[in-house]
Amino acid sequence: MDTIILGIESSCDDTSAAVIKNGVLLSNVVSSQAVHEAYGGVVPELASRAHQQNIVPVVHEALKRAGVAKEQLSAVAFTRGPGLMGSLLVGVSFAKGFARSLNIPMIDVNHLQAHVLAHFIKESEEDNNQPKFPFLCLLVSGGNSQIILVKAYNDMEVLGQTIDDAAGEAIDKCSKVMGLGYPGGPIIDKLARQGNPNAFTFSKPHIPDYNYSFSGLKTSFLYSLRDWLKEDPDFIEHHKNDLAASLEATIVNILMDKLRKAAKNLKINEVAVAGGVSANNGLRNSFREHAGKYGWNIYIPKFSFTTDNAAMIAITGYYKYLDNDFCTIDKPAYSRVTI
């Protein structure tokens, strides 16, 4: 009998639904919210209202593209957390009502775990390029920067994580300081490709073990920019490509130094990257360089699976379904948690 999972993702500002059949992706629909651009960041109240408008048509479209009737679904998997509480409540409430109306199981998914398991999304039966256990995963996004030891689908250990700001947040804030807009990731990435990564030097943190810190880098960037603007009011316009390239290179170096250390100490050469920042060109190139230099087998997700999407929720739900790992209807959403 076929196992067909509907995945629902609503942790931040993207409403998404996906359908997976026997581990193979049939559809993945994402509705993004442009309303936040004018505010330079996600406004929680506006995000939750947009989710309410989008969730029914997004789920309908996902089922339609998959060619699946709702009565064929085996279970509904949904992001329970972490994320913005108002946004999560929309997805969680819909999933509960939808599953109850069909009398099928519900599967709660940890959003961070789903980012890691995005590497196991298959787009065809022949798609077999997945990491082998155990592997290391660098999870980098607007809200998280972690090095995770993945021993199995349901066995992950956080080796290190940011003690303050995440890498994606640092990029967004520095982009905002430069007046480049939001979200800053794609803007910095585009400018960096045309700049010199060695043009400027910013401070790097000295944090023990495998942990990260990016607040000092933000401060260093801000103060350096302030001093340069005193000498040249048009400094940003004259040097924005080099500033973007130098910022990106600094962040990538901080991320890769700790990951390289973990891979060496644990003697693991299966290494993956996940999360929104894994779409960054500089980080992807660094992974390829490390593969050649250190003999890593690297796993870089498709761009469509880097940002928040329901395909990663559905594949996580699929493996939990095989383990009969369901949740009861009384389980609430949660805004903060680690893997």
C-alpha atoms as a PDB file:
ATOM      1  CA  MET A   1       0.000   0.000   0.000  1.00  0.00           C
ATOM      2  CA  ASP A   2       1.310   3.464  -0.907  1.00  0.00           C
ATOM      3  CA  THR A   3       2.421   5.854   1.824  1.00  0.00           C
ATOM      4  CA  ILE A   4       1.387   9.390   0.872  1.00  0.00           C
ATOM      5  CA  ILE A   5       2.317  12.270   3.164  1.00  0.00           C
ATOM      6  CA  LEU A   6       1.070  15.852   2.995  1.00  0.00           C
ATOM      7  CA  GLY A   7       3.631  18.266   4.461  1.00  0.00           C
ATOM      8  CA  ILE A   8       2.718  21.748   5.746  1.00  0.00           C
ATOM      9  CA  GLU A   9       5.266  24.464   6.555  1.00  0.00           C
ATOM     10  CA  SER A  10       4.390  27.847   8.109  1.00  0.00           C
ATOM     11  CA  SER A  11       7.196  28.652  10.543  1.00  0.00           C
ATOM     12  CA  CYS A  12       8.038  32.143   9.274  1.00  0.00           C
ATOM     13  CA  ASP A  13       6.932  34.037   6.165  1.00  0.00           C
ATOM     14  CA  ASP A  14       6.530  31.252   3.579  1.00  0.00           C
ATOM     15  CA  THR A  15       3.350  29.193   3.347  1.00  0.00           C
ATOM     16  CA  SER A  16       4.169  25.843   1.768  1.00  0.00           C
ATOM     17  CA  ALA A  17       2.572  22.443   1.141  1.00  0.00           C
ATOM     18  CA  ALA A  18       4.105  19.349  -0.435  1.00  0.00           C
ATOM     19  CA  VAL A  19       3.106  15.780  -1.223  1.00  0.00           C
ATOM     20  CA  ILE A  20       5.485  12.816  -1.006  1.00  0.00           C
ATOM     21  CA  LYS A  21       4.555   9.302  -2.142  1.00  0.00           C
ATOM     22  CA  ASN A  22       6.720   6.393  -0.946  1.00  0.00           C
ATOM     23  CA  GLY A  23       9.597   8.814  -0.367  1.00  0.00           C
ATOM     24  CA  VAL A  24       9.379  10.498  -3.795  1.00  0.00           C
ATOM     25  CA  LEU A  25       8.326  14.142  -4.114  1.00  0.00           C
ATOM     26  CA  LEU A  26       5.214  14.734  -6.208  1.00  0.00           C
ATOM     27  CA  SER A  27       4.675  18.450  -5.544  1.00  0.00           C
ATOM     28  CA  ASN A  28       6.113  21.333  -3.526  1.00  0.00           C
ATOM     29  CA  VAL A  29       4.202  24.628  -3.550  1.00  0.00           C
ATOM     30  CA  VAL A  30       5.554  27.747  -1.826  1.00  0.00           C
ATOM     31  CA  SER A  31       3.790  31.084  -1.439  1.00  0.00           C
ATOM     32  CA  SER A  32       6.185  33.842  -0.334  1.00  0.00           C
ATOM     33  CA  GLN A  33       5.186  37.089   1.360  1.00  0.00           C
ATOM     34  CA  ALA A  34       6.481  40.299  -0.238  1.00  0.00           C
ATOM     35  CA  VAL A  35       4.711  42.499   2.339  1.00  0.00           C
ATOM     36  CA  HIS A  36       7.730  42.432   4.707  1.00  0.00           C
ATOM     37  CA  GLU A  37      10.202  44.060   2.309  1.00  0.00           C
ATOM     38  CA  ALA A  38       8.972  47.564   3.165  1.00  0.00           C
ATOM     39  CA  TYR A  39       9.753  46.960   6.859  1.00  0.00           C
ATOM     40  CA  GLY A  40      13.255  45.519   6.483  1.00  0.00           C
ATOM     41  CA  GLY A  41      12.290  42.301   8.248  1.00  0.00           C
ATOM     42  CA  VAL A  42       9.443  39.907   8.968  1.00  0.00           C
ATOM     43  CA  VAL A  43       6.490  41.459  10.821  1.00  0.00           C
ATOM     44  CA  PRO A  44       4.907  38.581  12.825  1.00  0.00           C
ATOM     45  CA  GLU A  45       1.336  39.909  12.728  1.00  0.00           C
ATOM     46  CA  LEU A  46       1.418  40.438   8.966  1.00  0.00           C
ATOM     47  CA  ALA A  47       3.012  37.014   8.473  1.00  0.00           C
ATOM     48  CA  SER A  48       0.276  35.163  10.371  1.00  0.00           C
ATOM     49  CA  ARG A  49      -2.466  37.020   8.489  1.00  0.00           C
ATOM     50  CA  ALA A  50      -0.867  36.132   5.154  1.00  0.00           C
ATOM     51  CA  HIS A  51      -0.623  32.458   6.200  1.00  0.00           C
ATOM     52  CA  GLN A  52      -4.353  32.469   6.919  1.00  0.00           C
ATOM     53  CA  GLN A  53      -5.028  33.737   3.395  1.00  0.00           C
ATOM     54  CA  ASN A  54      -2.588  31.375   1.696  1.00  0.00           C
ATOM     55  CA  ILE A  55      -2.823  28.024   3.424  1.00  0.00           C
ATOM     56  CA  VAL A  56      -6.027  26.666   1.854  1.00  0.00           C
ATOM     57  CA  PRO A  57      -5.133  27.538  -1.772  1.00  0.00           C
ATOM     58  CA  VAL A  58      -1.529  26.333  -1.273  1.00  0.00           C
ATOM     59  CA  VAL A  59      -2.634  22.931   0.065  1.00  0.00           C
ATOM     60  CA  HIS A  60      -5.226  22.652  -2.714  1.00  0.00           C
ATOM     61  CA  GLU A  61      -2.583  23.395  -5.344  1.00  0.00           C
ATOM     62  CA  ALA A  62      -0.118  20.895  -3.865  1.00  0.00           C
ATOM     63  CA  LEU A  63      -2.691  18.092  -3.977  1.00  0.00           C
ATOM     64  CA  LYS A  64      -3.727  19.114  -7.492  1.00  0.00           C
ATOM     65  CA  ARG A  65      -0.166  19.102  -8.859  1.00  0.00           C
ATOM     66  CA  ALA A  66       0.518  15.769  -7.199  1.00  0.00           C
ATOM     67  CA  GLY A  67      -2.609  14.244  -8.721  1.00  0.00           C
ATOM     68  CA  VAL A  68      -3.621  13.055  -5.256  1.00  0.00           C
ATOM     69  CA  ALA A  69      -7.077  13.219  -3.680  1.00  0.00           C
ATOM     70  CA  LYS A  70      -7.161  14.135  -0.003  1.00  0.00           C
ATOM     71  CA  GLU A  71      -8.786  10.765   0.748  1.00  0.00           C
ATOM     72  CA  GLN A  72      -5.571   9.045  -0.466  1.00  0.00           C
ATOM     73  CA  LEU A  73      -3.377  10.692   2.167  1.00  0.00           C
ATOM     74  CA  SER A  74      -1.782   8.457   4.793  1.00  0.00           C
ATOM     75  CA  ALA A  75      -0.916  11.268   7.229  1.00  0.00           C
ATOM     76  CA  VAL A  76      -0.418  15.018   7.597  1.00  0.00           C
ATOM     77  CA  ALA A  77       3.026  16.236   8.672  1.00  0.00           C
ATOM     78  CA  PHE A  78       3.378  19.802   9.914  1.00  0.00           C
ATOM     79  CA  THR A  79       6.000  22.140  11.341  1.00  0.00           C
ATOM     80  CA  ARG A  80       5.350  22.325  15.068  1.00  0.00           C
ATOM     81  CA  GLY A  81       8.373  24.552  15.751  1.00  0.00           C
ATOM     82  CA  PRO A  82      10.594  26.413  16.153  1.00  0.00           C
ATOM     83  CA  GLY A  83       9.433  29.607  14.467  1.00  0.00           C
ATOM     84  CA  LEU A  84       7.124  32.598  14.851  1.00  0.00           C
ATOM     85  CA  MET A  85       4.274  31.529  17.118  1.00  0.00           C
ATOM     86  CA  GLY A  86       1.537  33.292  15.147  1.00  0.00           C
ATOM     87  CA  SER A  87       2.722  31.746  11.884  1.00  0.00           C
ATOM     88  CA  LEU A  88       3.091  28.292  13.406  1.00  0.00           C
ATOM     89  CA  LEU A  89      -0.409  28.390  14.875  1.00  0.00           C
ATOM     90  CA  VAL A  90      -1.929  28.783  11.413  1.00  0.00           C
ATOM     91  CA  GLY A  91      -0.188  25.692  10.039  1.00  0.00           C
ATOM     92  CA  VAL A  92      -0.629  23.625  13.188  1.00  0.00           C
ATOM     93  CA  SER A  93      -4.342  24.454  13.483  1.00  0.00           C
ATOM     94  CA  PHE A  94      -4.987  23.713   9.828  1.00  0.00           C
ATOM     95  CA  ALA A  95      -3.087  20.407   9.997  1.00  0.00           C
ATOM     96  CA  LYS A  96      -5.044  19.299  13.067  1.00  0.00           C
ATOM     97  CA  GLY A  97      -8.399  20.118  11.522  1.00  0.00           C
ATOM     98  CA  PHE A  98      -7.478  18.586   8.153  1.00  0.00           C
ATOM     99  CA  ALA A  99      -6.159  15.362   9.673  1.00  0.00           C
ATOM    100  CA  ARG A 100      -9.130  15.041  12.017  1.00  0.00           C
ATOM    101  CA  SER A 101     -11.608  15.523   9.154  1.00  0.00           C
ATOM    102  CA  LEU A 102      -9.916  12.690   7.220  1.00  0.00           C
ATOM    103  CA  ASN A 103      -9.351  10.542  10.335  1.00  0.00           C
ATOM    104  CA  ILE A 104      -5.649  10.106   9.532  1.00  0.00           C
ATOM    105  CA  PRO A 105      -2.582  10.451  11.792  1.00  0.00           C
ATOM    106  CA  MET A 106      -0.744  13.716  12.465  1.00  0.00           C
ATOM    107  CA  ILE A 107       3.048  13.948  12.498  1.00  0.00           C
ATOM    108  CA  ASP A 108       4.761  16.859  14.227  1.00  0.00           C
ATOM    109  CA  VAL A 109       8.069  17.929  12.683  1.00  0.00           C
ATOM    110  CA  ASN A 110      11.001  19.847  14.134  1.00  0.00           C
ATOM    111  CA  HIS A 111      11.795  22.530  11.548  1.00  0.00           C
ATOM    112  CA  LEU A 112      15.569  22.271  12.125  1.00  0.00           C
ATOM    113  CA  GLN A 113      15.591  18.486  11.793  1.00  0.00           C
ATOM    114  CA  ALA A 114      13.646  18.886   8.558  1.00  0.00           C
ATOM    115  CA  HIS A 115      16.318  21.189   7.094  1.00  0.00           C
ATOM    116  CA  VAL A 116      18.868  18.406   7.665  1.00  0.00           C
ATOM    117  CA  LEU A 117      16.620  15.722   6.186  1.00  0.00           C
ATOM    118  CA  ALA A 118      16.001  17.843   3.079  1.00  0.00           C
ATOM    119  CA  HIS A 119      18.998  15.918   1.704  1.00  0.00           C
ATOM    120  CA  PHE A 120      16.810  12.815   1.552  1.00  0.00           C
ATOM    121  CA  ILE A 121      14.138  14.329  -0.696  1.00  0.00           C
ATOM    122  CA  LYS A 122      13.905  12.226  -3.854  1.00  0.00           C
ATOM    123  CA  GLU A 123      12.522  13.743  -7.043  1.00  0.00           C
ATOM    124  CA  SER A 124      12.520  10.349  -8.793  1.00  0.00           C
ATOM    125  CA  GLU A 125      12.991   6.687  -7.933  1.00  0.00           C
ATOM    126  CA  GLU A 126      16.497   6.856  -9.444  1.00  0.00           C
ATOM    127  CA  ASP A 127      17.582   9.748  -7.209  1.00  0.00           C
ATOM    128  CA  ASN A 128      20.075   8.105  -4.840  1.00  0.00           C
ATOM    129  CA  ASN A 129      22.535  10.874  -3.969  1.00  0.00           C
ATOM    130  CA  GLN A 130      21.924  11.009  -0.232  1.00  0.00           C
ATOM    131  CA  PRO A 131      24.473  11.282   2.619  1.00  0.00           C
ATOM    132  CA  LYS A 132      25.589   8.109   4.362  1.00  0.00           C
ATOM    133  CA  PHE A 133      25.291   7.861   8.138  1.00  0.00           C
ATOM    134  CA  PRO A 134      26.991   9.202  10.154  1.00  0.00           C
ATOM    135  CA  PHE A 135      27.501  12.584   8.518  1.00  0.00           C
ATOM    136  CA  LEU A 136      28.076  16.164   9.580  1.00  0.00           C
ATOM    137  CA  CYS A 137      25.605  18.865   8.586  1.00  0.00           C
ATOM    138  CA  LEU A 138      26.265  22.596   8.750  1.00  0.00           C
ATOM    139  CA  LEU A 139      22.825  24.145   9.286  1.00  0.00           C
ATOM    140  CA  VAL A 140      22.922  27.874   8.529  1.00  0.00           C
ATOM    141  CA  SER A 141      19.924  30.172   8.220  1.00  0.00           C
ATOM    142  CA  GLY A 142      18.567  33.512   9.377  1.00  0.00           C
ATOM    143  CA  GLY A 143      17.883  32.104  12.828  1.00  0.00           C
ATOM    144  CA  ASN A 144      20.316  29.216  13.257  1.00  0.00           C
ATOM    145  CA  SER A 145      23.973  28.325  12.822  1.00  0.00           C
ATOM    146  CA  GLN A 146      24.747  24.781  13.990  1.00  0.00           C
ATOM    147  CA  ILE A 147      27.077  21.865  13.359  1.00  0.00           C
ATOM    148  CA  ILE A 148      25.065  18.662  13.692  1.00  0.00           C
ATOM    149  CA  LEU A 149      26.246  15.062  13.893  1.00  0.00           C
ATOM    150  CA  VAL A 150      23.594  13.011  12.097  1.00  0.00           C
ATOM    151  CA  LYS A 151      23.722   9.367  13.175  1.00  0.00           C
ATOM    152  CA  ALA A 152      20.305   8.382  11.765  1.00  0.00           C
ATOM    153  CA  TYR A 153      17.061   9.966  10.574  1.00  0.00           C
ATOM    154  CA  ASN A 154      15.897  10.194  14.174  1.00  0.00           C
ATOM    155  CA  ASP A 155      19.259  10.542  15.940  1.00  0.00           C
ATOM    156  CA  MET A 156      20.972  13.930  15.698  1.00  0.00           C
ATOM    157  CA  GLU A 157      23.381  15.666  18.057  1.00  0.00           C
ATOM    158  CA  VAL A 158      24.194  19.381  18.019  1.00  0.00           C
ATOM    159  CA  LEU A 159      27.984  19.652  18.362  1.00  0.00           C
ATOM    160  CA  GLY A 160      28.101  23.435  18.223  1.00  0.00           C
ATOM    161  CA  GLN A 161      25.826  26.402  17.653  1.00  0.00           C
ATOM    162  CA  THR A 162      25.791  30.171  17.742  1.00  0.00           C
ATOM    163  CA  ILE A 163      25.848  31.711  21.196  1.00  0.00           C
ATOM    164  CA  ASP A 164      24.250  34.933  19.917  1.00  0.00           C
ATOM    165  CA  ASP A 165      23.379  35.846  16.328  1.00  0.00           C
ATOM    166  CA  ALA A 166      23.081  33.472  13.382  1.00  0.00           C
ATOM    167  CA  ALA A 167      25.075  33.837  10.163  1.00  0.00           C
ATOM    168  CA  GLY A 168      21.997  34.708   8.107  1.00  0.00           C
ATOM    169  CA  GLU A 169      20.942  37.346  10.615  1.00  0.00           C
ATOM    170  CA  ALA A 170      24.410  38.933  10.460  1.00  0.00           C
ATOM    171  CA  ILE A 171      24.188  39.135   6.664  1.00  0.00           C
ATOM    172  CA  ASP A 172      20.710  40.685   6.800  1.00  0.00           C
ATOM    173  CA  LYS A 173      21.729  43.264   9.421  1.00  0.00           C
ATOM    174  CA  CYS A 174      24.890  44.291   7.548  1.00  0.00           C
ATOM    175  CA  SER A 175      22.892  44.587   4.332  1.00  0.00           C
ATOM    176  CA  LYS A 176      20.417  46.832   6.143  1.00  0.00           C
ATOM    177  CA  VAL A 177      23.238  49.027   7.506  1.00  0.00           C
ATOM    178  CA  MET A 178      24.475  49.454   3.930  1.00  0.00           C
ATOM    179  CA  GLY A 179      20.968  50.430   2.819  1.00  0.00           C
ATOM    180  CA  LEU A 180      20.723  47.514   0.405  1.00  0.00           C
ATOM    181  CA  GLY A 181      17.311  46.179   1.414  1.00  0.00           C
ATOM    182  CA  TYR A 182      15.736  43.004   2.768  1.00  0.00           C
ATOM    183  CA  PRO A 183      16.251  40.089   2.624  1.00  0.00           C
ATOM    184  CA  GLY A 184      19.975  40.783   2.582  1.00  0.00           C
ATOM    185  CA  GLY A 185      21.221  37.279   1.722  1.00  0.00           C
ATOM    186  CA  PRO A 186      20.480  37.279  -2.027  1.00  0.00           C
ATOM    187  CA  ILE A 187      21.608  40.921  -2.366  1.00  0.00           C
ATOM    188  CA  ILE A 188      24.974  40.378  -0.652  1.00  0.00           C
ATOM    189  CA  ASP A 189      25.462  37.141  -2.603  1.00  0.00           C
ATOM    190  CA  LYS A 190      24.920  38.891  -5.941  1.00  0.00           C
ATOM    191  CA  LEU A 191      27.205  41.839  -5.139  1.00  0.00           C
ATOM    192  CA  ALA A 192      29.921  39.579  -3.691  1.00  0.00           C
ATOM    193  CA  ARG A 193      30.368  37.787  -7.001  1.00  0.00           C
ATOM    194  CA  GLN A 194      31.667  41.056  -8.486  1.00  0.00           C
ATOM    195  CA  GLY A 195      33.845  42.099  -5.523  1.00  0.00           C
ATOM    196  CA  ASN A 196      37.242  41.380  -3.958  1.00  0.00           C
ATOM    197  CA  PRO A 197      36.887  39.149  -0.856  1.00  0.00           C
ATOM    198  CA  ASN A 198      40.247  40.377   0.453  1.00  0.00           C
ATOM    199  CA  ALA A 199      39.508  44.098   0.136  1.00  0.00           C
ATOM    200  CA  PHE A 200      38.504  44.606   3.776  1.00  0.00           C
ATOM    201  CA  THR A 201      39.181  42.815   7.059  1.00  0.00           C
ATOM    202  CA  PHE A 202      36.624  42.379   9.830  1.00  0.00           C
ATOM    203  CA  SER A 203      37.060  40.857  13.271  1.00  0.00           C
ATOM    204  CA  LYS A 204      36.606  37.126  13.766  1.00  0.00           C
ATOM    205  CA  PRO A 205      35.402  35.660  17.076  1.00  0.00           C
ATOM    206  CA  HIS A 206      37.442  33.298  19.254  1.00  0.00           C
ATOM    207  CA  ILE A 207      34.789  30.969  20.643  1.00  0.00           C
ATOM    208  CA  PRO A 208      35.677  27.589  22.217  1.00  0.00           C
ATOM    209  CA  ASP A 209      34.744  24.160  20.881  1.00  0.00           C
ATOM    210  CA  TYR A 210      32.446  24.119  17.826  1.00  0.00           C
ATOM    211  CA  ASN A 211      30.293  27.099  18.800  1.00  0.00           C
ATOM    212  CA  TYR A 212      29.786  30.237  16.735  1.00  0.00           C
ATOM    213  CA  SER A 213      29.327  33.943  17.377  1.00  0.00           C
ATOM    214  CA  PHE A 214      28.452  36.648  14.854  1.00  0.00           C
ATOM    215  CA  SER A 215      27.529  39.639  17.024  1.00  0.00           C
ATOM    216  CA  GLY A 216      31.151  40.857  17.125  1.00  0.00           C
ATOM    217  CA  LEU A 217      31.397  40.700  13.356  1.00  0.00           C
ATOM    218  CA  LYS A 218      28.275  42.852  13.032  1.00  0.00           C
ATOM    219  CA  THR A 219      29.763  45.412  15.426  1.00  0.00           C
ATOM    220  CA  SER A 220      33.093  45.406  13.592  1.00  0.00           C
ATOM    221  CA  PHE A 221      31.341  45.919  10.268  1.00  0.00           C
ATOM    222  CA  LEU A 222      29.200  48.754  11.652  1.00  0.00           C
ATOM    223  CA  TYR A 223      32.111  50.643  13.259  1.00  0.00           C
ATOM    224  CA  SER A 224      34.371  50.189  10.231  1.00  0.00           C
ATOM    225  CA  LEU A 225      31.643  51.517   7.961  1.00  0.00           C
ATOM    226  CA  ARG A 226      31.052  54.467  10.272  1.00  0.00           C
ATOM    227  CA  ASP A 227      34.739  55.449  10.140  1.00  0.00           C
ATOM    228  CA  TRP A 228      34.982  55.056   6.371  1.00  0.00           C
ATOM    229  CA  LEU A 229      31.840  57.125   5.814  1.00  0.00           C
ATOM    230  CA  LYS A 230      33.374  60.005   7.791  1.00  0.00           C
ATOM    231  CA  GLU A 231      36.154  60.171   5.212  1.00  0.00           C
ATOM    232  CA  ASP A 232      33.929  59.497   2.195  1.00  0.00           C
ATOM    233  CA  PRO A 233      30.128  59.952   2.460  1.00  0.00           C
ATOM    234  CA  ASP A 234      29.738  57.874  -0.721  1.00  0.00           C
ATOM    235  CA  PHE A 235      32.002  55.072   0.530  1.00  0.00           C
ATOM    236  CA  ILE A 236      29.282  52.395   0.384  1.00  0.00           C
ATOM    237  CA  GLU A 237      28.337  53.218  -3.202  1.00  0.00           C
ATOM    238  CA  HIS A 238      31.994  53.233  -4.270  1.00  0.00           C
ATOM    239  CA  HIS A 239      32.855  49.952  -2.530  1.00  0.00           C
ATOM    240  CA  LYS A 240      29.627  47.970  -2.112  1.00  0.00           C
ATOM    241  CA  ASN A 241      30.835  44.994  -4.180  1.00  0.00           C
ATOM    242  CA  ASP A 242      34.059  44.696  -2.180  1.00  0.00           C
ATOM    243  CA  LEU A 243      32.221  45.215   1.109  1.00  0.00           C
ATOM    244  CA  ALA A 244      29.772  42.428   0.236  1.00  0.00           C
ATOM    245  CA  ALA A 245      32.549  40.099  -0.905  1.00  0.00           C
ATOM    246  CA  SER A 246      34.663  40.743   2.213  1.00  0.00           C
ATOM    247  CA  LEU A 247      31.684  40.275   4.531  1.00  0.00           C
ATOM    248  CA  GLU A 248      30.680  37.042   2.813  1.00  0.00           C
ATOM    249  CA  ALA A 249      34.245  35.695   2.869  1.00  0.00           C
ATOM    250  CA  THR A 250      34.584  36.450   6.595  1.00  0.00           C
ATOM    251  CA  ILE A 251      31.349  34.640   7.453  1.00  0.00           C
ATOM    252  CA  VAL A 252      32.176  31.653   5.243  1.00  0.00           C
ATOM    253  CA  ASN A 253      35.639  31.370   6.817  1.00  0.00           C
ATOM    254  CA  ILE A 254      34.152  31.437  10.333  1.00  0.00           C
ATOM    255  CA  LEU A 255      31.651  28.721   9.403  1.00  0.00           C
ATOM    256  CA  MET A 256      34.141  26.466   7.613  1.00  0.00           C
ATOM    257  CA  ASP A 257      36.898  26.715  10.251  1.00  0.00           C
ATOM    258  CA  LYS A 258      34.691  25.042  12.878  1.00  0.00           C
ATOM    259  CA  LEU A 259      33.201  22.546  10.432  1.00  0.00           C
ATOM    260  CA  ARG A 260      36.675  21.541   9.252  1.00  0.00           C
ATOM    261  CA  LYS A 261      37.760  21.078  12.861  1.00  0.00           C
ATOM    262  CA  ALA A 262      34.747  18.865  13.613  1.00  0.00           C
ATOM    263  CA  ALA A 263      35.270  16.728  10.508  1.00  0.00           C
ATOM    264  CA  LYS A 264      38.938  16.216  11.391  1.00  0.00           C
ATOM    265  CA  ASN A 265      38.354  15.404  15.063  1.00  0.00           C
ATOM    266  CA  LEU A 266      35.479  12.998  14.373  1.00  0.00           C
ATOM    267  CA  LYS A 267      37.174  11.530  11.284  1.00  0.00           C
ATOM    268  CA  ILE A 268      34.043  12.019   9.172  1.00  0.00           C
ATOM    269  CA  ASN A 269      34.229  12.831   5.460  1.00  0.00           C
ATOM    270  CA  GLU A 270      30.483  12.810   4.714  1.00  0.00           C
ATOM    271  CA  VAL A 271      29.609  16.511   5.028  1.00  0.00           C
ATOM    272  CA  ALA A 272      26.395  18.347   4.139  1.00  0.00           C
ATOM    273  CA  VAL A 273      25.091  21.901   4.308  1.00  0.00           C
ATOM    274  CA  ALA A 274      21.475  22.979   4.822  1.00  0.00           C
ATOM    275  CA  GLY A 275      19.314  26.021   5.569  1.00  0.00           C
ATOM    276  CA  GLY A 276      18.704  29.307   3.779  1.00  0.00           C
ATOM    277  CA  VAL A 277      22.353  30.415   3.795  1.00  0.00           C
ATOM    278  CA  SER A 278      23.323  27.195   1.983  1.00  0.00           C
ATOM    279  CA  ALA A 279      22.077  28.980  -1.162  1.00  0.00           C
ATOM    280  CA  ASN A 280      25.024  31.380  -0.818  1.00  0.00           C
ATOM    281  CA  ASN A 281      27.447  31.058  -3.725  1.00  0.00           C
ATOM    282  CA  GLY A 282      30.555  31.680  -1.607  1.00  0.00           C
ATOM    283  CA  LEU A 283      29.612  28.966   0.890  1.00  0.00           C
ATOM    284  CA  ARG A 284      28.850  26.492  -1.887  1.00  0.00           C
ATOM    285  CA  ASN A 285      32.203  27.191  -3.541  1.00  0.00           C
ATOM    286  CA  SER A 286      33.983  26.725  -0.206  1.00  0.00           C
ATOM    287  CA  PHE A 287      32.314  23.315   0.192  1.00  0.00           C
ATOM    288  CA  ARG A 288      33.555  22.309  -3.254  1.00  0.00           C
ATOM    289  CA  GLU A 289      37.071  23.490  -2.421  1.00  0.00           C
ATOM    290  CA  HIS A 290      37.055  21.509   0.821  1.00  0.00           C
ATOM    291  CA  ALA A 291      35.865  18.414  -1.051  1.00  0.00           C
ATOM    292  CA  GLY A 292      38.895  18.620  -3.321  1.00  0.00           C
ATOM    293  CA  LYS A 293      41.381  19.490  -0.566  1.00  0.00           C
ATOM    294  CA  TYR A 294      40.213  17.214   2.261  1.00  0.00           C
ATOM    295  CA  GLY A 295      38.502  14.387   0.380  1.00  0.00           C
ATOM    296  CA  TRP A 296      35.033  15.212   1.679  1.00  0.00           C
ATOM    297  CA  ASN A 297      31.956  13.711   0.091  1.00  0.00           C
ATOM    298  CA  ILE A 298      29.785  16.831   0.040  1.00  0.00           C
ATOM    299  CA  TYR A 299      26.020  17.248  -0.210  1.00  0.00           C
ATOM    300  CA  ILE A 300      24.644  20.618  -1.284  1.00  0.00           C
ATOM    301  CA  PRO A 301      20.844  20.951  -1.574  1.00  0.00           C
ATOM    302  CA  LYS A 302      18.992  22.263  -4.603  1.00  0.00           C
ATOM    303  CA  PHE A 303      18.185  25.953  -4.276  1.00  0.00           C
ATOM    304  CA  SER A 304      14.477  25.144  -3.931  1.00  0.00           C
ATOM    305  CA  PHE A 305      15.224  23.020  -0.840  1.00  0.00           C
ATOM    306  CA  THR A 306      17.463  25.555   0.942  1.00  0.00           C
ATOM    307  CA  THR A 307      14.791  27.984   2.113  1.00  0.00           C
ATOM    308  CA  ASP A 308      11.720  27.020   4.151  1.00  0.00           C
ATOM    309  CA  ASN A 309       9.634  24.534   2.167  1.00  0.00           C
ATOM    310  CA  ALA A 310       7.131  21.770   2.856  1.00  0.00           C
ATOM    311  CA  ALA A 311       9.053  19.102   0.933  1.00  0.00           C
ATOM    312  CA  MET A 312      11.503  18.836   3.833  1.00  0.00           C
ATOM    313  CA  ILE A 313       8.570  18.608   6.259  1.00  0.00           C
ATOM    314  CA  ALA A 314       6.955  15.865   4.184  1.00  0.00           C
ATOM    315  CA  ILE A 315      10.135  13.742   3.906  1.00  0.00           C
ATOM    316  CA  THR A 316      10.698  14.019   7.665  1.00  0.00           C
ATOM    317  CA  GLY A 317       7.066  13.041   8.143  1.00  0.00           C
ATOM    318  CA  TYR A 318       7.550  10.073   5.825  1.00  0.00           C
ATOM    319  CA  TYR A 319      10.361   8.598   7.936  1.00  0.00           C
ATOM    320  CA  LYS A 320       8.450   9.274  11.158  1.00  0.00           C
ATOM    321  CA  TYR A 321       5.418   7.559   9.607  1.00  0.00           C
ATOM    322  CA  LEU A 322       7.495   4.441   8.932  1.00  0.00           C
ATOM    323  CA  ASP A 323       8.402   4.455  12.631  1.00  0.00           C
ATOM    324  CA  ASN A 324       4.754   4.982  13.673  1.00  0.00           C
ATOM    325  CA  ASP A 325       5.902   8.203  15.341  1.00  0.00           C
ATOM    326  CA  PHE A 326       2.647  10.163  15.458  1.00  0.00           C
ATOM    327  CA  CYS A 327       1.455  13.009  17.657  1.00  0.00           C
ATOM    328  CA  THR A 328      -1.791  13.641  19.474  1.00  0.00           C
ATOM    329  CA  ILE A 329      -4.110  16.538  18.747  1.00  0.00           C
ATOM    330  CA  ASP A 330      -3.306  18.286  22.036  1.00  0.00           C
ATOM    331  CA  LYS A 331       0.351  18.986  21.103  1.00  0.00           C
ATOM    332  CA  PRO A 332       0.903  22.784  20.952  1.00  0.00           C
ATOM    333  CA  ALA A 333       3.220  24.734  18.671  1.00  0.00           C
ATOM    334  CA  TYR A 334       6.540  25.873  20.158  1.00  0.00           C
ATOM    335  CA  SER A 335       8.593  28.903  19.196  1.00  0.00           C
ATOM    336  CA  ARG A 336      12.002  27.873  20.533  1.00  0.00           C
ATOM    337  CA  VAL A 337      13.798  24.536  20.588  1.00  0.00           C
ATOM    338  CA  THR A 338      16.954  22.857  19.302  1.00  0.00           C
ATOM    339  CA  ILE A 339      17.237  19.516  17.563  1.00  0.00           C
END
